[in-house]
PDB file of N, CA and C in Angstrom:
ATOM      1  N   MET A   1      -2.210 -10.347  -6.717  1.00  0.00           N
ATOM      2  CA  MET A   1      -2.966  -9.172  -6.313  1.00  0.00           C
ATOM      3  C   MET A   1      -3.577  -9.362  -4.934  1.00  0.00           C
ATOM      4  N   LYS A   2      -3.990 -10.589  -4.612  1.00  0.00           N
ATOM      5  CA  LYS A   2      -4.580 -10.826  -3.300  1.00  0.00           C
ATOM      6  C   LYS A   2      -3.603 -10.448  -2.188  1.00  0.00           C
ATOM      7  N   THR A   3      -2.330 -10.741  -2.393  1.00  0.00           N
ATOM      8  CA  THR A   3      -1.325 -10.423  -1.380  1.00  0.00           C
ATOM      9  C   THR A   3      -1.204  -8.916  -1.191  1.00  0.00           C
ATOM     10  N   VAL A   4      -1.224  -8.177  -2.279  1.00  0.00           N
ATOM     11  CA  VAL A   4      -1.131  -6.718  -2.200  1.00  0.00           C
ATOM     12  C   VAL A   4      -2.339  -6.164  -1.445  1.00  0.00           C
ATOM     13  N   LEU A   5      -3.542  -6.669  -1.758  1.00  0.00           N
ATOM     14  CA  LEU A   5      -4.748  -6.208  -1.062  1.00  0.00           C
ATOM     15  C   LEU A   5      -4.695  -6.544   0.426  1.00  0.00           C
ATOM     16  N   LYS A   6      -4.206  -7.731   0.754  1.00  0.00           N
ATOM     17  CA  LYS A   6      -4.117  -8.111   2.167  1.00  0.00           C
ATOM     18  C   LYS A   6      -3.094  -7.254   2.904  1.00  0.00           C
ATOM     19  N   LEU A   7      -1.986  -6.929   2.239  1.00  0.00           N
ATOM     20  CA  LEU A   7      -0.992  -6.046   2.857  1.00  0.00           C
ATOM     21  C   LEU A   7      -1.555  -4.645   3.076  1.00  0.00           C
ATOM     22  N   GLU A   8      -2.340  -4.177   2.110  1.00  0.00           N
ATOM     23  CA  GLU A   8      -2.981  -2.876   2.260  1.00  0.00           C
ATOM     24  C   GLU A   8      -3.919  -2.881   3.465  1.00  0.00           C
ATOM     25  N   GLU A   9      -4.704  -3.938   3.592  1.00  0.00           N
ATOM     26  CA  GLU A   9      -5.619  -4.048   4.735  1.00  0.00           C
ATOM     27  C   GLU A   9      -4.857  -4.194   6.048  1.00  0.00           C
ATOM     28  N   LEU A  10      -3.725  -4.875   6.019  1.00  0.00           N
ATOM     29  CA  LEU A  10      -2.899  -4.997   7.219  1.00  0.00           C
ATOM     30  C   LEU A  10      -2.408  -3.626   7.675  1.00  0.00           C
ATOM     31  N   MET A  11      -2.042  -2.778   6.721  1.00  0.00           N
ATOM     32  CA  MET A  11      -1.611  -1.419   7.065  1.00  0.00           C
ATOM     33  C   MET A  11      -2.772  -0.610   7.637  1.00  0.00           C
ATOM     34  N   MET A  12      -3.981  -0.807   7.094  1.00  0.00           N
ATOM     35  CA  MET A  12      -5.153  -0.109   7.637  1.00  0.00           C
ATOM     36  C   MET A  12      -5.484  -0.622   9.032  1.00  0.00           C
ATOM     37  N   PHE A  13      -5.296  -1.923   9.248  1.00  0.00           N
ATOM     38  CA  PHE A  13      -5.501  -2.495  10.577  1.00  0.00           C
ATOM     39  C   PHE A  13      -4.522  -1.855  11.569  1.00  0.00           C
ATOM     40  N   ALA A  14      -3.266  -1.739  11.158  1.00  0.00           N
ATOM     41  CA  ALA A  14      -2.251  -1.103  12.012  1.00  0.00           C
ATOM     42  C   ALA A  14      -2.603   0.364  12.261  1.00  0.00           C
ATOM     43  N   LEU A  15      -3.106   1.050  11.242  1.00  0.00           N
ATOM     44  CA  LEU A  15      -3.527   2.442  11.399  1.00  0.00           C
ATOM     45  C   LEU A  15      -4.662   2.545  12.413  1.00  0.00           C
ATOM     46  N   GLY A  16      -5.598   1.613  12.361  1.00  0.00           N
ATOM     47  CA  GLY A  16      -6.696   1.588  13.326  1.00  0.00           C
ATOM     48  C   GLY A  16      -6.187   1.404  14.748  1.00  0.00           C
ATOM     49  N   ILE A  17      -5.213   0.519  14.909  1.00  0.00           N
ATOM     50  CA  ILE A  17      -4.621   0.310  16.237  1.00  0.00           C
ATOM     51  C   ILE A  17      -3.928   1.590  16.707  1.00  0.00           C
ATOM     52  N   TYR A  18      -3.233   2.256  15.800  1.00  0.00           N
ATOM     53  CA  TYR A  18      -2.582   3.515  16.150  1.00  0.00           C
ATOM     54  C   TYR A  18      -3.613   4.549  16.611  1.00  0.00           C
ATOM     55  N   PHE A  19      -4.693   4.700  15.838  1.00  0.00           N
ATOM     56  CA  PHE A  19      -5.718   5.683  16.214  1.00  0.00           C
ATOM     57  C   PHE A  19      -6.382   5.313  17.540  1.00  0.00           C
ATOM     58  N   PHE A  20      -6.530   4.013  17.805  1.00  0.00           N
ATOM     59  CA  PHE A  20      -7.062   3.614  19.112  1.00  0.00           C
ATOM     60  C   PHE A  20      -6.108   4.050  20.215  1.00  0.00           C
ATOM     61  N   SER A  21      -4.805   3.922  19.967  1.00  0.00           N
ATOM     62  CA  SER A  21      -3.811   4.288  20.994  1.00  0.00           C
ATOM     63  C   SER A  21      -3.875   5.775  21.337  1.00  0.00           C
ATOM     64  N   LEU A  22      -4.415   6.584  20.430  1.00  0.00           N
ATOM     65  CA  LEU A  22      -4.545   8.025  20.683  1.00  0.00           C
ATOM     66  C   LEU A  22      -5.751   8.347  21.563  1.00  0.00           C
ATOM     67  N   LEU A  23      -6.656   7.392  21.685  1.00  0.00           N
ATOM     68  CA  LEU A  23      -7.854   7.600  22.500  1.00  0.00           C
ATOM     69  C   LEU A  23      -7.549   7.319  23.965  1.00  0.00           C
ATOM     70  N   ASP A  24      -8.383   7.840  24.819  1.00  0.00           N
ATOM     71  CA  ASP A  24      -8.177   7.691  26.257  1.00  0.00           C
ATOM     72  C   ASP A  24      -8.983   6.502  26.802  1.00  0.00           C
ATOM     73  N   TYR A  25      -8.760   5.331  26.187  1.00  0.00           N
ATOM     74  CA  TYR A  25      -9.432   4.107  26.632  1.00  0.00           C
ATOM     75  C   TYR A  25      -8.378   3.052  26.930  1.00  0.00           C
ATOM     76  N   ALA A  26      -8.651   2.227  27.924  1.00  0.00           N
ATOM     77  CA  ALA A  26      -7.745   1.123  28.242  1.00  0.00           C
ATOM     78  C   ALA A  26      -7.736   0.126  27.076  1.00  0.00           C
ATOM     79  N   TRP A  27      -6.615  -0.557  26.887  1.00  0.00           N
ATOM     80  CA  TRP A  27      -6.474  -1.490  25.772  1.00  0.00           C
ATOM     81  C   TRP A  27      -7.462  -2.641  25.832  1.00  0.00           C
ATOM     82  N   TRP A  28      -7.908  -2.992  27.037  1.00  0.00           N
ATOM     83  CA  TRP A  28      -8.853  -4.112  27.116  1.00  0.00           C
ATOM     84  C   TRP A  28     -10.150  -3.769  26.397  1.00  0.00           C
ATOM     85  N   TRP A  29     -10.488  -2.471  26.284  1.00  0.00           N
ATOM     86  CA  TRP A  29     -11.673  -2.075  25.523  1.00  0.00           C
ATOM     87  C   TRP A  29     -11.550  -2.483  24.057  1.00  0.00           C
ATOM     88  N   PHE A  30     -10.364  -2.331  23.507  1.00  0.00           N
ATOM     89  CA  PHE A  30     -10.129  -2.735  22.115  1.00  0.00           C
ATOM     90  C   PHE A  30     -10.413  -4.223  21.952  1.00  0.00           C
ATOM     91  N   LEU A  31      -9.877  -5.009  22.855  1.00  0.00           N
ATOM     92  CA  LEU A  31     -10.065  -6.467  22.777  1.00  0.00           C
ATOM     93  C   LEU A  31     -11.522  -6.866  22.956  1.00  0.00           C
ATOM     94  N   VAL A  32     -12.233  -6.179  23.826  1.00  0.00           N
ATOM     95  CA  VAL A  32     -13.646  -6.483  24.072  1.00  0.00           C
ATOM     96  C   VAL A  32     -14.508  -6.083  22.871  1.00  0.00           C
ATOM     97  N   LEU A  33     -14.187  -4.953  22.253  1.00  0.00           N
ATOM     98  CA  LEU A  33     -15.066  -4.387  21.228  1.00  0.00           C
ATOM     99  C   LEU A  33     -14.741  -4.772  19.789  1.00  0.00           C
ATOM    100  N   ILE A  34     -13.566  -5.323  19.524  1.00  0.00           N
ATOM    101  CA  ILE A  34     -13.118  -5.510  18.147  1.00  0.00           C
ATOM    102  C   ILE A  34     -14.057  -6.402  17.323  1.00  0.00           C
ATOM    103  N   LEU A  35     -14.774  -7.306  17.935  1.00  0.00           N
ATOM    104  CA  LEU A  35     -15.692  -8.172  17.179  1.00  0.00           C
ATOM    105  C   LEU A  35     -17.139  -7.679  17.179  1.00  0.00           C
ATOM    106  N   THR A  36     -17.434  -6.599  17.890  1.00  0.00           N
ATOM    107  CA  THR A  36     -18.827  -6.138  17.979  1.00  0.00           C
ATOM    108  C   THR A  36     -19.459  -5.738  16.642  1.00  0.00           C
ATOM    109  N   PRO A  37     -18.698  -5.258  15.639  1.00  0.00           N
ATOM    110  CA  PRO A  37     -19.359  -4.952  14.367  1.00  0.00           C
ATOM    111  C   PRO A  37     -20.032  -6.166  13.710  1.00  0.00           C
ATOM    112  N   ASP A  38     -19.627  -7.360  14.101  1.00  0.00           N
ATOM    113  CA  ASP A  38     -20.254  -8.557  13.540  1.00  0.00           C
ATOM    114  C   ASP A  38     -21.709  -8.718  13.963  1.00  0.00           C
ATOM    115  N   ILE A  39     -22.162  -7.880  14.883  1.00  0.00           N
ATOM    116  CA  ILE A  39     -23.580  -7.908  15.246  1.00  0.00           C
ATOM    117  C   ILE A  39     -24.445  -7.590  14.018  1.00  0.00           C
ATOM    118  N   GLY A  40     -23.860  -6.925  13.028  1.00  0.00           N
ATOM    119  CA  GLY A  40     -24.565  -6.642  11.782  1.00  0.00           C
ATOM    120  C   GLY A  40     -25.021  -7.897  11.049  1.00  0.00           C
ATOM    121  N   MET A  41     -24.393  -9.033  11.362  1.00  0.00           N
ATOM    122  CA  MET A  41     -24.801 -10.302  10.748  1.00  0.00           C
ATOM    123  C   MET A  41     -26.207 -10.720  11.167  1.00  0.00           C
ATOM    124  N   LEU A  42     -26.696 -10.164  12.266  1.00  0.00           N
ATOM    125  CA  LEU A  42     -28.049 -10.502  12.705  1.00  0.00           C
ATOM    126  C   LEU A  42     -29.100 -10.110  11.676  1.00  0.00           C
ATOM    127  N   GLY A  43     -28.766  -9.186  10.797  1.00  0.00           N
ATOM    128  CA  GLY A  43     -29.679  -8.804   9.726  1.00  0.00           C
ATOM    129  C   GLY A  43     -30.055  -9.983   8.840  1.00  0.00           C
ATOM    130  N   TYR A  44     -29.182 -10.986   8.783  1.00  0.00           N
ATOM    131  CA  TYR A  44     -29.476 -12.166   7.965  1.00  0.00           C
ATOM    132  C   TYR A  44     -30.648 -12.972   8.510  1.00  0.00           C
ATOM    133  N   LEU A  45     -31.054 -12.706   9.735  1.00  0.00           N
ATOM    134  CA  LEU A  45     -32.257 -13.353  10.270  1.00  0.00           C
ATOM    135  C   LEU A  45     -33.501 -12.898   9.508  1.00  0.00           C
ATOM    136  N   PHE A  46     -33.389 -11.768   8.812  1.00  0.00           N
ATOM    137  CA  PHE A  46     -34.518 -11.200   8.076  1.00  0.00           C
ATOM    138  C   PHE A  46     -34.346 -11.331   6.564  1.00  0.00           C
ATOM    139  N   GLY A  47     -33.429 -12.187   6.153  1.00  0.00           N
ATOM    140  CA  GLY A  47     -33.213 -12.441   4.731  1.00  0.00           C
ATOM    141  C   GLY A  47     -31.894 -11.882   4.232  1.00  0.00           C
ATOM    142  N   ASN A  48     -31.543 -12.284   3.022  1.00  0.00           N
ATOM    143  CA  ASN A  48     -30.257 -11.885   2.446  1.00  0.00           C
ATOM    144  C   ASN A  48     -30.147 -10.388   2.185  1.00  0.00           C
ATOM    145  N   LYS A  49     -31.228  -9.772   1.741  1.00  0.00           N
ATOM    146  CA  LYS A  49     -31.179  -8.339   1.427  1.00  0.00           C
ATOM    147  C   LYS A  49     -30.951  -7.514   2.694  1.00  0.00           C
ATOM    148  N   ALA A  50     -31.726  -7.793   3.732  1.00  0.00           N
ATOM    149  CA  ALA A  50     -31.555  -7.088   5.007  1.00  0.00           C
ATOM    150  C   ALA A  50     -30.201  -7.427   5.616  1.00  0.00           C
ATOM    151  N   GLY A  51     -29.808  -8.681   5.510  1.00  0.00           N
ATOM    152  CA  GLY A  51     -28.522  -9.097   6.051  1.00  0.00           C
ATOM    153  C   GLY A  51     -27.372  -8.357   5.413  1.00  0.00           C
ATOM    154  N   ALA A  52     -27.388  -8.280   4.078  1.00  0.00           N
ATOM    155  CA  ALA A  52     -26.321  -7.577   3.369  1.00  0.00           C
ATOM    156  C   ALA A  52     -26.305  -6.101   3.761  1.00  0.00           C
ATOM    157  N   PHE A  53     -27.485  -5.497   3.866  1.00  0.00           N
ATOM    158  CA  PHE A  53     -27.560  -4.077   4.220  1.00  0.00           C
ATOM    159  C   PHE A  53     -26.939  -3.819   5.598  1.00  0.00           C
ATOM    160  N   PHE A  54     -27.380  -4.565   6.610  1.00  0.00           N
ATOM    161  CA  PHE A  54     -26.888  -4.319   7.967  1.00  0.00           C
ATOM    162  C   PHE A  54     -25.432  -4.732   8.140  1.00  0.00           C
ATOM    163  N   TYR A  55     -25.051  -5.821   7.493  1.00  0.00           N
ATOM    164  CA  TYR A  55     -23.645  -6.231   7.553  1.00  0.00           C
ATOM    165  C   TYR A  55     -22.770  -5.143   6.931  1.00  0.00           C
ATOM    166  N   ASN A  56     -23.150  -4.689   5.737  1.00  0.00           N
ATOM    167  CA  ASN A  56     -22.347  -3.675   5.050  1.00  0.00           C
ATOM    168  C   ASN A  56     -22.324  -2.352   5.805  1.00  0.00           C
ATOM    169  N   LEU A  57     -23.432  -2.002   6.433  1.00  0.00           N
ATOM    170  CA  LEU A  57     -23.475  -0.775   7.226  1.00  0.00           C
ATOM    171  C   LEU A  57     -22.464  -0.834   8.371  1.00  0.00           C
ATOM    172  N   SER A  58     -22.337  -1.993   8.986  1.00  0.00           N
ATOM    173  CA  SER A  58     -21.430  -2.127  10.134  1.00  0.00           C
ATOM    174  C   SER A  58     -20.000  -2.507   9.721  1.00  0.00           C
ATOM    175  N   HIS A  59     -19.757  -2.657   8.413  1.00  0.00           N
ATOM    176  CA  HIS A  59     -18.421  -3.026   7.934  1.00  0.00           C
ATOM    177  C   HIS A  59     -17.903  -2.095   6.833  1.00  0.00           C
ATOM    178  N   HIS A  60     -18.538  -0.957   6.667  1.00  0.00           N
ATOM    179  CA  HIS A  60     -18.134  -0.021   5.624  1.00  0.00           C
ATOM    180  C   HIS A  60     -17.144   0.979   6.215  1.00  0.00           C
ATOM    181  N   LYS A  61     -15.970   1.050   5.640  1.00  0.00           N
ATOM    182  CA  LYS A  61     -14.945   1.945   6.184  1.00  0.00           C
ATOM    183  C   LYS A  61     -15.329   3.410   6.044  1.00  0.00           C
ATOM    184  N   GLY A  62     -16.096   3.743   5.021  1.00  0.00           N
ATOM    185  CA  GLY A  62     -16.575   5.124   4.875  1.00  0.00           C
ATOM    186  C   GLY A  62     -17.470   5.526   6.031  1.00  0.00           C
ATOM    187  N   VAL A  63     -18.358   4.628   6.433  1.00  0.00           N
ATOM    188  CA  VAL A  63     -19.227   4.883   7.593  1.00  0.00           C
ATOM    189  C   VAL A  63     -18.361   5.038   8.840  1.00  0.00           C
ATOM    190  N   ALA A  64     -17.375   4.158   8.977  1.00  0.00           N
ATOM    191  CA  ALA A  64     -16.478   4.223  10.135  1.00  0.00           C
ATOM    192  C   ALA A  64     -15.762   5.570  10.200  1.00  0.00           C
ATOM    193  N   LEU A  65     -15.264   6.029   9.062  1.00  0.00           N
ATOM    194  CA  LEU A  65     -14.551   7.307   9.035  1.00  0.00           C
ATOM    195  C   LEU A  65     -15.471   8.483   9.337  1.00  0.00           C
ATOM    196  N   LEU A  66     -16.694   8.441   8.820  1.00  0.00           N
ATOM    197  CA  LEU A  66     -17.654   9.513   9.120  1.00  0.00           C
ATOM    198  C   LEU A  66     -17.957   9.587  10.613  1.00  0.00           C
ATOM    199  N   ILE A  67     -18.150   8.432  11.233  1.00  0.00           N
ATOM    200  CA  ILE A  67     -18.434   8.400  12.674  1.00  0.00           C
ATOM    201  C   ILE A  67     -17.227   8.923  13.450  1.00  0.00           C
ATOM    202  N   TYR A  68     -16.030   8.463  13.071  1.00  0.00           N
ATOM    203  CA  TYR A  68     -14.818   8.918  13.748  1.00  0.00           C
ATOM    204  C   TYR A  68     -14.640  10.425  13.602  1.00  0.00           C
ATOM    205  N   LEU A  69     -14.774  10.927  12.369  1.00  0.00           N
ATOM    206  CA  LEU A  69     -14.573  12.359  12.133  1.00  0.00           C
ATOM    207  C   LEU A  69     -15.632  13.207  12.827  1.00  0.00           C
ATOM    208  N   ALA A  70     -16.858  12.703  12.912  1.00  0.00           N
ATOM    209  CA  ALA A  70     -17.894  13.416  13.670  1.00  0.00           C
ATOM    210  C   ALA A  70     -17.486  13.487  15.140  1.00  0.00           C
ATOM    211  N   GLY A  71     -16.917  12.401  15.640  1.00  0.00           N
ATOM    212  CA  GLY A  71     -16.434  12.381  17.022  1.00  0.00           C
ATOM    213  C   GLY A  71     -15.311  13.373  17.258  1.00  0.00           C
ATOM    214  N   VAL A  72     -14.428  13.503  16.281  1.00  0.00           N
ATOM    215  CA  VAL A  72     -13.332  14.479  16.386  1.00  0.00           C
ATOM    216  C   VAL A  72     -13.893  15.897  16.335  1.00  0.00           C
ATOM    217  N   TYR A  73     -14.744  16.161  15.346  1.00  0.00           N
ATOM    218  CA  TYR A  73     -15.288  17.508  15.147  1.00  0.00           C
ATOM    219  C   TYR A  73     -16.104  17.976  16.352  1.00  0.00           C
ATOM    220  N   PHE A  74     -16.951  17.090  16.879  1.00  0.00           N
ATOM    221  CA  PHE A  74     -17.817  17.459  17.998  1.00  0.00           C
ATOM    222  C   PHE A  74     -17.218  17.100  19.365  1.00  0.00           C
ATOM    223  N   SER A  75     -15.983  16.646  19.376  1.00  0.00           N
ATOM    224  CA  SER A  75     -15.289  16.246  20.612  1.00  0.00           C
ATOM    225  C   SER A  75     -16.091  15.209  21.402  1.00  0.00           C
ATOM    226  N   ILE A  76     -16.464  14.131  20.714  1.00  0.00           N
ATOM    227  CA  ILE A  76     -17.205  13.041  21.349  1.00  0.00           C
ATOM    228  C   ILE A  76     -16.331  11.782  21.291  1.00  0.00           C
ATOM    229  N   PRO A  77     -15.600  11.488  22.365  1.00  0.00           N
ATOM    230  CA  PRO A  77     -14.702  10.337  22.370  1.00  0.00           C
ATOM    231  C   PRO A  77     -15.390   9.002  22.052  1.00  0.00           C
ATOM    232  N   LEU A  78     -16.642   8.845  22.466  1.00  0.00           N
ATOM    233  CA  LEU A  78     -17.343   7.595  22.182  1.00  0.00           C
ATOM    234  C   LEU A  78     -17.513   7.398  20.669  1.00  0.00           C
ATOM    235  N   CYS A  79     -17.836   8.449  19.941  1.00  0.00           N
ATOM    236  CA  CYS A  79     -17.941   8.352  18.478  1.00  0.00           C
ATOM    237  C   CYS A  79     -16.584   8.023  17.855  1.00  0.00           C
ATOM    238  N   GLN A  80     -15.543   8.611  18.403  1.00  0.00           N
ATOM    239  CA  GLN A  80     -14.201   8.297  17.911  1.00  0.00           C
ATOM    240  C   GLN A  80     -13.895   6.816  18.129  1.00  0.00           C
ATOM    241  N   LEU A  81     -14.240   6.321  19.300  1.00  0.00           N
ATOM    242  CA  LEU A  81     -14.012   4.913  19.610  1.00  0.00           C
ATOM    243  C   LEU A  81     -14.799   4.012  18.654  1.00  0.00           C
ATOM    244  N   ILE A  82     -16.067   4.314  18.447  1.00  0.00           N
ATOM    245  CA  ILE A  82     -16.900   3.509  17.555  1.00  0.00           C
ATOM    246  C   ILE A  82     -16.319   3.511  16.144  1.00  0.00           C
ATOM    247  N   GLY A  83     -15.922   4.680  15.663  1.00  0.00           N
ATOM    248  CA  GLY A  83     -15.338   4.775  14.334  1.00  0.00           C
ATOM    249  C   GLY A  83     -14.062   3.970  14.194  1.00  0.00           C
ATOM    250  N   VAL A  84     -13.201   4.050  15.187  1.00  0.00           N
ATOM    251  CA  VAL A  84     -11.940   3.301  15.155  1.00  0.00           C
ATOM    252  C   VAL A  84     -12.207   1.798  15.178  1.00  0.00           C
ATOM    253  N   ILE A  85     -13.116   1.368  16.017  1.00  0.00           N
ATOM    254  CA  ILE A  85     -13.429  -0.071  16.103  1.00  0.00           C
ATOM    255  C   ILE A  85     -14.017  -0.562  14.777  1.00  0.00           C
ATOM    256  N   LEU A  86     -14.967   0.182  14.208  1.00  0.00           N
ATOM    257  CA  LEU A  86     -15.560  -0.218  12.929  1.00  0.00           C
ATOM    258  C   LEU A  86     -14.489  -0.305  11.837  1.00  0.00           C
ATOM    259  N   PHE A  87     -13.633   0.697  11.766  1.00  0.00           N
ATOM    260  CA  PHE A  87     -12.585   0.732  10.747  1.00  0.00           C
ATOM    261  C   PHE A  87     -11.605  -0.428  10.908  1.00  0.00           C
ATOM    262  N   THR A  88     -11.129  -0.624  12.131  1.00  0.00           N
ATOM    263  CA  THR A  88     -10.131  -1.649  12.388  1.00  0.00           C
ATOM    264  C   THR A  88     -10.709  -3.044  12.166  1.00  0.00           C
ATOM    265  N   HIS A  89     -11.928  -3.255  12.625  1.00  0.00           N
ATOM    266  CA  HIS A  89     -12.585  -4.543  12.422  1.00  0.00           C
ATOM    267  C   HIS A  89     -12.761  -4.832  10.927  1.00  0.00           C
ATOM    268  N   SER A  90     -13.173  -3.828  10.177  1.00  0.00           N
ATOM    269  CA  SER A  90     -13.383  -4.013   8.741  1.00  0.00           C
ATOM    270  C   SER A  90     -12.084  -4.375   8.033  1.00  0.00           C
ATOM    271  N   ALA A  91     -11.001  -3.724   8.410  1.00  0.00           N
ATOM    272  CA  ALA A  91      -9.698  -4.055   7.822  1.00  0.00           C
ATOM    273  C   ALA A  91      -9.312  -5.493   8.163  1.00  0.00           C
ATOM    274  N   PHE A  92      -9.547  -5.901   9.407  1.00  0.00           N
ATOM    275  CA  PHE A  92      -9.224  -7.268   9.817  1.00  0.00           C
ATOM    276  C   PHE A  92     -10.056  -8.279   9.031  1.00  0.00           C
ATOM    277  N   ASP A  93     -11.340  -7.991   8.867  1.00  0.00           N
ATOM    278  CA  ASP A  93     -12.200  -8.884   8.081  1.00  0.00           C
ATOM    279  C   ASP A  93     -11.685  -9.026   6.652  1.00  0.00           C
ATOM    280  N   ARG A  94     -11.243  -7.924   6.063  1.00  0.00           N
ATOM    281  CA  ARG A  94     -10.765  -7.970   4.683  1.00  0.00           C
ATOM    282  C   ARG A  94      -9.471  -8.782   4.590  1.00  0.00           C
ATOM    283  N   ILE A  95      -8.639  -8.719   5.616  1.00  0.00           N
ATOM    284  CA  ILE A  95      -7.433  -9.551   5.643  1.00  0.00           C
ATOM    285  C   ILE A  95      -7.830 -11.028   5.565  1.00  0.00           C
ATOM    286  N   LEU A  96      -8.911 -11.381   6.239  1.00  0.00           N
ATOM    287  CA  LEU A  96      -9.385 -12.763   6.257  1.00  0.00           C
ATOM    288  C   LEU A  96     -10.213 -13.127   5.026  1.00  0.00           C
ATOM    289  N   GLY A  97     -10.473 -12.150   4.159  1.00  0.00           N
ATOM    290  CA  GLY A  97     -11.221 -12.418   2.939  1.00  0.00           C
ATOM    291  C   GLY A  97     -12.706 -12.148   3.016  1.00  0.00           C
ATOM    292  N   TYR A  98     -13.156 -11.547   4.113  1.00  0.00           N
ATOM    293  CA  TYR A  98     -14.575 -11.212   4.258  1.00  0.00           C
ATOM    294  C   TYR A  98     -14.799  -9.778   3.799  1.00  0.00           C
ATOM    295  N   GLY A  99     -15.442  -9.635   2.650  1.00  0.00           N
ATOM    296  CA  GLY A  99     -15.695  -8.317   2.107  1.00  0.00           C
ATOM    297  C   GLY A  99     -17.126  -7.880   2.338  1.00  0.00           C
ATOM    298  N   LEU A 100     -17.471  -6.752   1.745  1.00  0.00           N
ATOM    299  CA  LEU A 100     -18.848  -6.276   1.787  1.00  0.00           C
ATOM    300  C   LEU A 100     -19.726  -7.263   1.030  1.00  0.00           C
ATOM    301  N   LYS A 101     -20.941  -7.453   1.496  1.00  0.00           N
ATOM    302  CA  LYS A 101     -21.805  -8.519   0.990  1.00  0.00           C
ATOM    303  C   LYS A 101     -22.724  -8.056  -0.135  1.00  0.00           C
ATOM    304  N   TYR A 102     -22.971  -8.980  -1.044  1.00  0.00           N
ATOM    305  CA  TYR A 102     -24.032  -8.820  -2.040  1.00  0.00           C
ATOM    306  C   TYR A 102     -25.286  -9.439  -1.452  1.00  0.00           C
ATOM    307  N   ASP A 103     -26.457  -9.014  -1.912  1.00  0.00           N
ATOM    308  CA  ASP A 103     -27.700  -9.552  -1.334  1.00  0.00           C
ATOM    309  C   ASP A 103     -28.061 -10.933  -1.867  1.00  0.00           C
ATOM    310  N   LYS A 104     -27.132 -11.544  -2.557  1.00  0.00           N
ATOM    311  CA  LYS A 104     -27.287 -12.918  -3.051  1.00  0.00           C
ATOM    312  C   LYS A 104     -27.088 -13.935  -1.926  1.00  0.00           C
ATOM    313  N   GLY A 105     -26.358 -13.558  -0.896  1.00  0.00           N
ATOM    314  CA  GLY A 105     -26.093 -14.440   0.236  1.00  0.00           C
ATOM    315  C   GLY A 105     -24.821 -14.044   0.945  1.00  0.00           C
ATOM    316  N   PHE A 106     -24.627 -14.534   2.147  1.00  0.00           N
ATOM    317  CA  PHE A 106     -23.505 -14.131   2.995  1.00  0.00           C
ATOM    318  C   PHE A 106     -22.152 -14.393   2.345  1.00  0.00           C
ATOM    319  N   LYS A 107     -22.019 -15.488   1.643  1.00  0.00           N
ATOM    320  CA  LYS A 107     -20.704 -15.843   1.113  1.00  0.00           C
ATOM    321  C   LYS A 107     -20.321 -15.090  -0.161  1.00  0.00           C
ATOM    322  N   PHE A 108     -21.206 -14.250  -0.683  1.00  0.00           N
ATOM    323  CA  PHE A 108     -20.916 -13.503  -1.900  1.00  0.00           C
ATOM    324  C   PHE A 108     -20.490 -12.080  -1.539  1.00  0.00           C
ATOM    325  N   THR A 109     -19.205 -11.787  -1.739  1.00  0.00           N
ATOM    326  CA  THR A 109     -18.640 -10.507  -1.312  1.00  0.00           C
ATOM    327  C   THR A 109     -17.958  -9.786  -2.466  1.00  0.00           C
ATOM    328  N   HIS A 110     -17.624  -8.538  -2.238  1.00  0.00           N
ATOM    329  CA  HIS A 110     -16.917  -7.760  -3.252  1.00  0.00           C
ATOM    330  C   HIS A 110     -15.489  -8.266  -3.464  1.00  0.00           C
ATOM    331  N   LEU A 111     -15.019  -9.123  -2.576  1.00  0.00           N
ATOM    332  CA  LEU A 111     -13.689  -9.722  -2.728  1.00  0.00           C
ATOM    333  C   LEU A 111     -13.751 -11.088  -3.390  1.00  0.00           C
ATOM    334  N   GLY A 112     -14.943 -11.538  -3.699  1.00  0.00           N
ATOM    335  CA  GLY A 112     -15.134 -12.870  -4.271  1.00  0.00           C
ATOM    336  C   GLY A 112     -15.951 -13.726  -3.318  1.00  0.00           C
ATOM    337  N   GLU A 113     -16.183 -14.941  -3.732  1.00  0.00           N
ATOM    338  CA  GLU A 113     -17.001 -15.851  -2.924  1.00  0.00           C
ATOM    339  C   GLU A 113     -16.166 -16.416  -1.781  1.00  0.00           C
ATOM    340  N   ILE A 114     -16.709 -16.340  -0.574  1.00  0.00           N
ATOM    341  CA  ILE A 114     -16.021 -16.888   0.599  1.00  0.00           C
ATOM    342  C   ILE A 114     -15.964 -18.403   0.445  1.00  0.00           C
ATOM    343  N   GLY A 115     -14.785 -18.947   0.646  1.00  0.00           N
ATOM    344  CA  GLY A 115     -14.611 -20.388   0.535  1.00  0.00           C
ATOM    345  C   GLY A 115     -14.229 -20.840  -0.865  1.00  0.00           C
ATOM    346  N   ASN A 116     -14.256 -19.943  -1.847  1.00  0.00           N
ATOM    347  CA  ASN A 116     -13.870 -20.272  -3.202  1.00  0.00           C
ATOM    348  C   ASN A 116     -12.352 -20.177  -3.299  1.00  0.00           C
ATOM    349  N   THR A 117     -11.691 -21.291  -3.498  1.00  0.00           N
ATOM    350  CA  THR A 117     -10.240 -21.313  -3.559  1.00  0.00           C
ATOM    351  C   THR A 117      -9.692 -21.013  -4.951  1.00  0.00           C
ATOM    352  N   ASN A 118     -10.581 -20.771  -5.903  1.00  0.00           N
ATOM    353  CA  ASN A 118     -10.145 -20.490  -7.278  1.00  0.00           C
ATOM    354  C   ASN A 118      -9.898 -19.011  -7.526  1.00  0.00           C
ATOM    355  N   GLY A 119     -10.221 -18.144  -6.598  1.00  0.00           N
ATOM    356  CA  GLY A 119     -10.127 -16.719  -6.891  1.00  0.00           C
ATOM    357  C   GLY A 119      -9.231 -16.014  -5.999  1.00  0.00           C
TER     358      GLY A 119
END
């Protein structure tokens, strides 16, 4: 099942790249911005609960889609860019096994415990 989930995320990652290609931004912007959603990890400076909240906010594909669609509806290319970056980054993280966080700690995700080779 892990392979199927990773393939699904790979397709979403490819979809994110496709949607970026539709935007009027140079490709170097994609490379510069693709890791910026990880700034949500700074929430862990304020504890596990705040960390999980901010990390999940910056890695939730639903949030990414809402931002992107708001950008489309209101013709705001910057919102479209932010949505695409959030979506694509989240798919890439899931390929690597980093899921949405539980407030128990950073390594506890909806995909299982990070670093746990038994699951």
